[in-house]
Amino acid sequence: MKRVIVSVINDLVTDQRVNKSCLTLQKAGFEVLLVGRRQRKSPPMDKRPYKSKRMKLLFEKGPFFYAEFNFRLFLFLLFRRCNCLLSNDLDTLWPNYWISKLKRVPLIYDSHEYFTEVPELVNRRLVQHVWKKIEEHILPKMQEMITVCQSIADLFHLKYGIKVHVIRNIPMRAMLPAPASREEVGLDPQKHILILQGSGINIHRGSEELVDAMAYLNDCQLVIIGGGDVLPILKEKVAANHWDDRVKFFPRMPYQQMMAITQLADLGFTLDKDTNLNYRFSLPNKLFDYIQAGVPIVASHLPEIERIIKEYNIGTFIDNHDPKTIADTIQKALNDEKNLVQWKNNLIFAAQNLCWENEEEVLLKIYEKYV
């Protein structure tokens, strides 16, 4: 059996796209080895049907972390047998590229976002320049790559002239667990439940304004699940306003546990702002998680997200990020029983279509040439 080594820079626990890719690689006939890193606060790995390795590093962030990770990944790949490499995102591409050259094995590149335009880089020109140079050096030499939506695929194709496949980050139907009970997770049984989830709850993604909107929503409780750099600010805001009964925080958790809570929600939110190309063309995981959970969506007007919501008629949009506008949009959606019923019916159809079992067919066609 041919072996593929899959590289990602995170701690593997909550990256569902990589997990699904590994399962599809198994289905395609590969023996899979997934490699990432282990952080000091990383949860334990759940049991999976393929092998995994989490490297312990001295550094957890900053330039020394990226240098150490790429050096360690290069050495790891150098001394492991493989017939194919799958690199996830630009921060794993450099060592994978050189190992593919040294060992003369094919390399598949999966870009989960428009990496060089993420908000963490747009205001750090020198760091952004380094990543752009890596991308510009390697991508023109790639025969094909994968990314998460058509808008980003078009950008890569226009810039580098390479074939770019679109594989959206859509959950498996089989991954949906039974819903939790409100009592066991400490949610108010009398209030409407609103949910915001994700591992990247960061600045410019609308979470601050969503929390501020809770000042106008006495009959709602906002659930925030995940991690991100804006969470300390949100928690301070909640504490300062004594909104503990209105906003409840949950840490990062296994996907099944998160989805059990998500299904309790009346509305789910994806409120990214159009502050950079990466956010403008984002098609976040949580959008499809809400769809699989049967939760109507409130979103900002971004092209890829808007296309899905309008095509299936499964939610509504905010006109701007003013907290009062967000609150009014929420109240209007919750009060329109006819629309809510229609959205929920349409979500059943959307969930049947927008599932990994359909999406992976494209992936299997890519992999079959390397088996």
Protein backbone atom coordinates (compact mmCIF):
# COMPACT_ATOMS: atom_id res chain seq x y z
CA MET A 1 0.00 0.00 0.00
CA LYS A 2 1.31 3.46 -0.90
CA ARG A 3 1.84 5.90 1.95
CA VAL A 4 0.89 9.58 1.98
CA ILE A 5 2.17 11.98 4.65
CA VAL A 6 -0.24 14.82 5.41
CA SER A 7 1.23 17.96 7.00
CA VAL A 8 -0.58 20.69 8.93
CA ILE A 9 0.74 23.29 11.38
CA ASN A 10 -2.03 23.01 13.99
CA ASP A 11 -2.51 20.45 16.78
CA LEU A 12 -4.81 18.21 14.65
CA VAL A 13 -7.61 17.99 17.23
CA THR A 14 -10.26 20.28 15.70
CA ASP A 15 -9.14 20.48 12.04
CA GLN A 16 -12.05 18.71 10.40
CA ARG A 17 -10.94 19.48 6.83
CA VAL A 18 -7.66 17.66 7.36
CA ASN A 19 -9.41 14.77 9.13
CA LYS A 20 -11.86 14.38 6.25
CA SER A 21 -9.02 14.58 3.71
CA CYS A 22 -7.18 11.79 5.55
CA LEU A 23 -10.28 9.59 5.55
CA THR A 24 -10.74 10.21 1.82
CA LEU A 25 -7.08 9.34 1.19
CA GLN A 26 -7.68 6.03 2.97
CA LYS A 27 -10.70 5.45 0.77
CA ALA A 28 -8.48 6.16 -2.26
CA GLY A 29 -6.12 3.37 -1.17
CA PHE A 30 -3.36 5.16 0.75
CA GLU A 31 -1.83 4.40 4.12
CA VAL A 32 -2.09 7.79 5.88
CA LEU A 33 0.29 9.45 8.33
CA LEU A 34 -0.84 12.86 9.61
CA VAL A 35 1.76 15.15 11.18
CA GLY A 36 1.24 18.41 13.10
CA ARG A 37 2.31 19.84 16.44
CA ARG A 38 1.34 19.54 20.07
CA GLN A 39 0.85 22.70 22.11
CA ARG A 40 0.98 22.95 25.88
CA LYS A 41 -2.80 23.43 26.03
CA SER A 42 -3.71 20.98 23.26
CA PRO A 43 -6.57 18.60 24.09
CA PRO A 44 -5.85 14.87 23.73
CA MET A 45 -6.26 13.37 20.28
CA ASP A 46 -9.44 11.41 19.63
CA LYS A 47 -9.14 7.90 18.22
CA ARG A 48 -8.78 7.86 14.41
CA PRO A 49 -8.39 5.05 11.85
CA TYR A 50 -5.06 6.41 10.56
CA LYS A 51 -1.68 7.18 12.15
CA SER A 52 -0.80 10.62 13.47
CA LYS A 53 2.23 12.36 14.96
CA ARG A 54 2.21 15.61 16.95
CA MET A 55 5.65 17.19 17.33
CA LYS A 56 6.55 18.96 20.56
CA LEU A 57 8.26 22.29 19.85
CA LEU A 58 10.19 24.77 21.99
CA PHE A 59 8.31 27.75 20.56
CA GLU A 60 4.55 28.18 20.12
CA LYS A 61 4.36 31.46 18.16
CA GLY A 62 6.40 34.07 16.36
CA PRO A 63 9.20 33.72 13.79
CA PHE A 64 11.17 31.21 15.89
CA PHE A 65 8.13 28.95 16.00
CA TYR A 66 7.71 28.98 12.19
CA ALA A 67 11.44 28.42 11.67
CA GLU A 68 11.52 25.55 14.17
CA PHE A 69 8.37 23.93 12.83
CA ASN A 70 9.53 24.01 9.21
CA PHE A 71 12.98 22.64 10.11
CA ARG A 72 11.49 19.85 12.24
CA LEU A 73 8.92 19.03 9.56
CA PHE A 74 11.68 18.84 6.92
CA LEU A 75 13.64 16.37 9.04
CA PHE A 76 10.52 14.35 9.84
CA LEU A 77 9.62 14.03 6.16
CA LEU A 78 13.22 13.31 5.16
CA PHE A 79 13.43 10.17 7.29
CA ARG A 80 9.95 8.79 6.58
CA ARG A 81 8.99 6.60 3.64
CA CYS A 82 6.25 8.09 1.47
CA ASN A 83 4.85 7.89 -2.05
CA CYS A 84 2.92 11.15 -1.94
CA LEU A 85 2.80 14.36 0.14
CA LEU A 86 -0.20 16.51 1.04
CA SER A 87 0.69 19.98 2.33
CA ASN A 88 -2.04 21.98 4.05
CA ASP A 89 -1.61 25.76 3.82
CA LEU A 90 1.42 27.84 2.97
CA ASP A 91 3.07 27.41 6.37
CA THR A 92 3.81 23.73 5.61
CA LEU A 93 4.57 24.05 1.89
CA TRP A 94 8.30 24.90 1.95
CA PRO A 95 9.58 21.64 3.55
CA ASN A 96 7.06 19.56 1.60
CA TYR A 97 8.19 21.09 -1.68
CA TRP A 98 11.88 20.34 -1.10
CA ILE A 99 11.19 16.80 0.14
CA SER A 100 9.06 16.15 -2.96
CA LYS A 101 12.05 17.23 -5.06
CA LEU A 102 14.60 15.20 -3.09
CA LYS A 103 12.48 12.04 -3.01
CA ARG A 104 10.85 12.61 -6.39
CA VAL A 105 7.36 12.03 -5.03
CA PRO A 106 4.21 13.96 -6.03
CA LEU A 107 3.07 16.89 -3.90
CA ILE A 108 -0.55 17.99 -3.49
CA TYR A 109 -1.13 21.44 -2.00
CA ASP A 110 -4.39 22.30 -0.21
CA SER A 111 -4.76 26.01 0.58
CA HIS A 112 -7.47 26.46 3.24
CA GLU A 113 -7.53 30.24 2.76
CA TYR A 114 -5.88 33.06 0.82
CA PHE A 115 -2.94 32.83 3.22
CA THR A 116 -0.92 35.92 2.27
CA GLU A 117 -3.94 38.17 2.85
CA VAL A 118 -4.97 36.96 6.31
CA PRO A 119 -5.41 39.90 8.77
CA GLU A 120 -2.45 38.69 10.84
CA LEU A 121 -0.20 39.51 7.84
CA VAL A 122 -1.73 42.49 6.02
CA ASN A 123 -0.33 45.00 8.51
CA ARG A 124 3.04 43.24 8.85
CA ARG A 125 4.56 43.96 5.47
CA LEU A 126 7.94 42.29 6.02
CA VAL A 127 6.42 39.02 7.26
CA GLN A 128 3.81 39.14 4.49
CA HIS A 129 6.60 39.69 1.95
CA VAL A 130 8.43 36.54 3.14
CA TRP A 131 5.30 34.37 2.75
CA LYS A 132 4.54 35.89 -0.65
CA LYS A 133 8.06 35.05 -1.84
CA ILE A 134 7.63 31.43 -0.74
CA GLU A 135 4.29 31.25 -2.54
CA GLU A 136 5.65 32.92 -5.70
CA HIS A 137 8.63 30.55 -5.77
CA ILE A 138 6.66 27.31 -5.41
CA LEU A 139 3.15 27.70 -6.80
CA PRO A 140 4.10 28.28 -10.47
CA LYS A 141 5.91 24.92 -10.34
CA MET A 142 2.83 23.07 -9.06
CA GLN A 143 0.81 21.23 -11.69
CA GLU A 144 -2.38 21.55 -9.66
CA MET A 145 -3.62 22.51 -6.22
CA ILE A 146 -6.77 22.52 -4.09
CA THR A 147 -8.55 25.38 -2.33
CA VAL A 148 -11.81 26.03 -0.50
CA CYS A 149 -13.93 28.20 -2.82
CA GLN A 150 -14.19 29.37 -6.41
CA SER A 151 -13.24 33.02 -5.72
CA ILE A 152 -9.90 32.02 -4.17
CA ALA A 153 -9.34 29.42 -6.90
CA ASP A 154 -9.80 32.15 -9.52
CA LEU A 155 -7.26 34.38 -7.76
CA PHE A 156 -4.61 31.63 -7.71
CA HIS A 157 -5.28 30.63 -11.31
CA LEU A 158 -5.09 34.24 -12.51
CA LYS A 159 -1.84 34.87 -10.62
CA TYR A 160 0.03 31.62 -11.29
CA GLY A 161 -1.72 30.02 -14.27
CA ILE A 162 -2.13 26.66 -12.52
CA LYS A 163 -5.12 24.36 -12.32
CA VAL A 164 -6.96 24.86 -9.01
CA HIS A 165 -9.60 22.41 -7.78
CA VAL A 166 -12.34 23.61 -5.42
CA ILE A 167 -13.07 21.34 -2.44
CA ARG A 168 -15.34 23.12 0.04
CA ASN A 169 -14.92 22.35 3.73
CA ILE A 170 -18.25 20.61 4.20
CA PRO A 171 -19.05 18.21 7.09
CA MET A 172 -19.90 14.56 6.66
CA ARG A 173 -23.53 13.64 7.12
CA ALA A 174 -22.41 10.75 9.31
CA MET A 175 -20.61 13.15 11.66
CA LEU A 176 -23.81 14.70 13.08
CA PRO A 177 -24.42 13.48 16.66
CA ALA A 178 -27.63 13.53 18.68
CA PRO A 179 -28.38 17.01 20.07
CA ALA A 180 -27.41 17.82 23.66
CA SER A 181 -30.01 18.94 26.18
CA ARG A 182 -30.08 22.55 27.30
CA GLU A 183 -29.99 21.52 30.93
CA GLU A 184 -26.81 19.46 30.66
CA VAL A 185 -24.88 22.31 29.00
CA GLY A 186 -26.33 25.04 31.24
CA LEU A 187 -28.46 26.93 28.70
CA ASP A 188 -31.65 28.80 29.58
CA PRO A 189 -34.67 26.72 28.46
CA GLN A 190 -36.81 29.87 28.14
CA LYS A 191 -34.57 31.89 25.81
CA HIS A 192 -33.77 31.82 22.10
CA ILE A 193 -30.28 30.36 21.57
CA LEU A 194 -27.86 32.16 19.24
CA ILE A 195 -24.55 30.55 18.32
CA LEU A 196 -21.13 31.65 17.07
CA GLN A 197 -18.51 28.94 16.73
CA GLY A 198 -15.04 28.47 15.28
CA SER A 199 -11.35 28.12 16.01
CA GLY A 200 -10.68 31.59 14.54
CA ILE A 201 -12.90 33.95 16.53
CA ASN A 202 -10.62 36.90 15.77
CA ILE A 203 -10.79 40.62 15.14
CA HIS A 204 -12.83 41.91 12.18
CA ARG A 205 -15.10 38.86 12.25
CA GLY A 206 -18.10 40.57 13.85
CA SER A 207 -18.00 38.92 17.25
CA GLU A 208 -17.51 42.16 19.22
CA GLU A 209 -20.58 43.73 17.63
CA LEU A 210 -22.61 40.53 18.08
CA VAL A 211 -21.85 40.57 21.82
CA ASP A 212 -22.75 44.29 21.98
CA ALA A 213 -26.06 43.48 20.28
CA MET A 214 -27.01 41.38 23.31
CA ALA A 215 -27.75 44.65 25.16
CA TYR A 216 -30.97 44.80 23.10
CA LEU A 217 -31.92 41.11 23.28
CA ASN A 218 -33.40 40.23 26.66
CA ASP A 219 -35.02 37.04 25.40
CA CYS A 220 -31.85 35.57 23.83
CA GLN A 221 -28.73 33.77 25.01
CA LEU A 222 -25.58 33.84 22.89
CA VAL A 223 -23.34 30.75 22.89
CA ILE A 224 -19.73 31.22 21.76
CA ILE A 225 -17.73 28.02 21.17
CA GLY A 226 -14.07 27.96 20.15
CA GLY A 227 -10.88 29.99 20.34
CA GLY A 228 -9.37 33.13 18.90
CA ASP A 229 -7.54 36.36 19.71
CA VAL A 230 -10.66 38.40 20.42
CA LEU A 231 -12.06 36.11 23.12
CA PRO A 232 -10.39 37.93 26.08
CA ILE A 233 -11.98 41.19 24.86
CA LEU A 234 -15.40 39.53 24.58
CA LYS A 235 -15.13 38.06 28.08
CA GLU A 236 -14.14 41.44 29.54
CA LYS A 237 -17.09 43.06 27.78
CA VAL A 238 -19.51 40.46 29.16
CA ALA A 239 -18.12 40.80 32.69
CA ALA A 240 -18.22 44.62 32.60
CA ASN A 241 -21.87 44.63 31.52
CA HIS A 242 -22.95 41.76 33.82
CA TRP A 243 -24.20 39.77 30.82
CA ASP A 244 -23.34 36.32 32.22
CA ASP A 245 -26.97 35.32 31.72
CA ARG A 246 -26.89 36.52 28.08
CA VAL A 247 -23.52 35.23 26.80
CA LYS A 248 -22.05 31.79 27.58
CA PHE A 249 -18.53 30.76 26.51
CA PHE A 250 -17.37 27.23 25.74
CA PRO A 251 -13.72 26.37 24.95
CA ARG A 252 -12.56 24.48 21.88
CA MET A 253 -14.01 21.01 22.00
CA PRO A 254 -14.22 17.84 19.89
CA TYR A 255 -16.35 18.27 16.78
CA GLN A 256 -19.08 15.85 17.88
CA GLN A 257 -19.52 17.65 21.18
CA MET A 258 -19.64 21.04 19.49
CA MET A 259 -22.25 19.92 16.97
CA ALA A 260 -24.42 18.45 19.73
CA ILE A 261 -24.63 21.97 21.21
CA THR A 262 -24.94 23.72 17.84
CA GLN A 263 -28.17 21.87 17.10
CA LEU A 264 -29.82 23.62 20.05
CA ALA A 265 -29.51 27.04 18.38
CA ASP A 266 -32.28 29.05 16.75
CA LEU A 267 -29.82 31.11 14.68
CA GLY A 268 -26.13 30.73 13.73
CA PHE A 269 -23.80 33.61 12.84
CA THR A 270 -21.00 34.25 10.36
CA LEU A 271 -20.30 38.00 10.40
CA ASP A 272 -16.85 38.46 8.83
CA LYS A 273 -16.04 41.97 7.64
CA ASP A 274 -14.72 42.84 4.18
CA THR A 275 -11.39 44.09 5.55
CA ASN A 276 -9.07 41.87 3.49
CA LEU A 277 -9.19 39.49 0.54
CA ASN A 278 -9.12 36.44 2.77
CA TYR A 279 -12.26 37.49 4.65
CA ARG A 280 -13.96 38.81 1.50
CA PHE A 281 -13.81 35.42 -0.16
CA SER A 282 -14.14 33.29 2.97
CA LEU A 283 -16.41 30.26 3.03
CA PRO A 284 -16.07 29.34 6.72
CA ASN A 285 -16.53 25.88 8.19
CA LYS A 286 -19.21 27.14 10.56
CA LEU A 287 -21.51 27.99 7.65
CA PHE A 288 -21.69 24.32 6.67
CA ASP A 289 -21.79 23.20 10.30
CA TYR A 290 -24.92 25.31 10.79
CA ILE A 291 -26.43 23.80 7.65
CA GLN A 292 -25.79 20.24 8.82
CA ALA A 293 -27.19 21.12 12.25
CA GLY A 294 -30.36 22.57 10.70
CA VAL A 295 -29.72 26.07 12.10
CA PRO A 296 -30.82 29.14 10.04
CA ILE A 297 -27.99 31.60 9.40
CA VAL A 298 -27.47 35.34 9.90
CA ALA A 299 -24.53 36.53 7.81
CA SER A 300 -22.71 39.57 6.49
CA HIS A 301 -22.79 40.29 2.76
CA LEU A 302 -19.72 38.42 1.49
CA PRO A 303 -19.91 36.84 -1.98
CA GLU A 304 -19.22 33.14 -1.30
CA ILE A 305 -21.38 33.02 1.83
CA GLU A 306 -24.16 35.03 0.21
CA ARG A 307 -24.23 32.71 -2.78
CA ILE A 308 -24.91 29.64 -0.59
CA ILE A 309 -27.53 31.29 1.64
CA LYS A 310 -29.45 32.77 -1.28
CA GLU A 311 -29.24 29.64 -3.42
CA TYR A 312 -30.87 27.52 -0.72
CA ASN A 313 -32.84 30.31 1.05
CA ILE A 314 -31.61 29.34 4.52
CA GLY A 315 -31.10 32.65 6.31
CA THR A 316 -30.79 36.40 6.23
CA PHE A 317 -28.18 39.19 6.22
CA ILE A 318 -27.16 42.18 8.32
CA ASP A 319 -26.97 45.52 6.47
CA ASN A 320 -24.01 46.70 8.58
CA HIS A 321 -22.14 45.83 11.78
CA ASP A 322 -23.86 48.34 14.05
CA PRO A 323 -24.94 46.36 17.18
CA LYS A 324 -28.47 47.79 17.06
CA THR A 325 -28.79 46.75 13.39
CA ILE A 326 -27.62 43.23 14.28
CA ALA A 327 -30.11 43.05 17.17
CA ASP A 328 -32.96 44.27 14.95
CA THR A 329 -32.07 41.67 12.28
CA ILE A 330 -32.07 38.92 14.92
CA GLN A 331 -35.39 40.01 16.41
CA LYS A 332 -37.01 40.26 12.98
CA ALA A 333 -35.79 36.77 12.04
CA LEU A 334 -37.00 35.22 15.31
CA ASN A 335 -40.41 36.89 15.07
CA ASP A 336 -41.06 35.74 11.49
CA GLU A 337 -42.34 32.21 12.14
CA LYS A 338 -43.24 31.61 8.48
CA ASN A 339 -39.69 32.41 7.33
CA LEU A 340 -38.13 30.32 10.08
CA VAL A 341 -40.17 27.27 9.07
CA GLN A 342 -39.22 27.80 5.42
CA TRP A 343 -35.53 28.14 6.25
CA LYS A 344 -35.57 25.00 8.38
CA ASN A 345 -37.27 23.01 5.61
CA ASN A 346 -34.74 24.29 3.08
CA LEU A 347 -31.87 23.38 5.43
CA ILE A 348 -32.87 19.71 5.21
CA PHE A 349 -32.41 19.82 1.43
CA ALA A 350 -29.20 21.90 1.70
CA ALA A 351 -27.69 19.44 4.20
CA GLN A 352 -28.33 16.53 1.83
CA ASN A 353 -26.50 18.33 -0.99
CA LEU A 354 -23.76 20.14 0.92
CA CYS A 355 -22.03 17.18 2.55
CA TRP A 356 -18.52 15.74 2.31
CA GLU A 357 -19.83 12.52 0.83
CA ASN A 358 -20.66 14.54 -2.33
CA GLU A 359 -17.69 16.91 -2.14
CA GLU A 360 -15.03 14.20 -1.85
CA GLU A 361 -15.80 12.85 -5.34
CA VAL A 362 -13.63 15.64 -6.75
CA LEU A 363 -10.89 14.74 -4.27
CA LEU A 364 -10.98 11.05 -5.14
CA LYS A 365 -10.45 11.88 -8.82
CA ILE A 366 -7.35 13.92 -7.91
CA TYR A 367 -5.90 11.19 -5.68
CA GLU A 368 -6.57 8.23 -7.98
CA LYS A 369 -3.77 9.24 -10.35
CA TYR A 370 -1.21 8.91 -7.52
CA VAL A 371 -2.27 5.54 -6.04
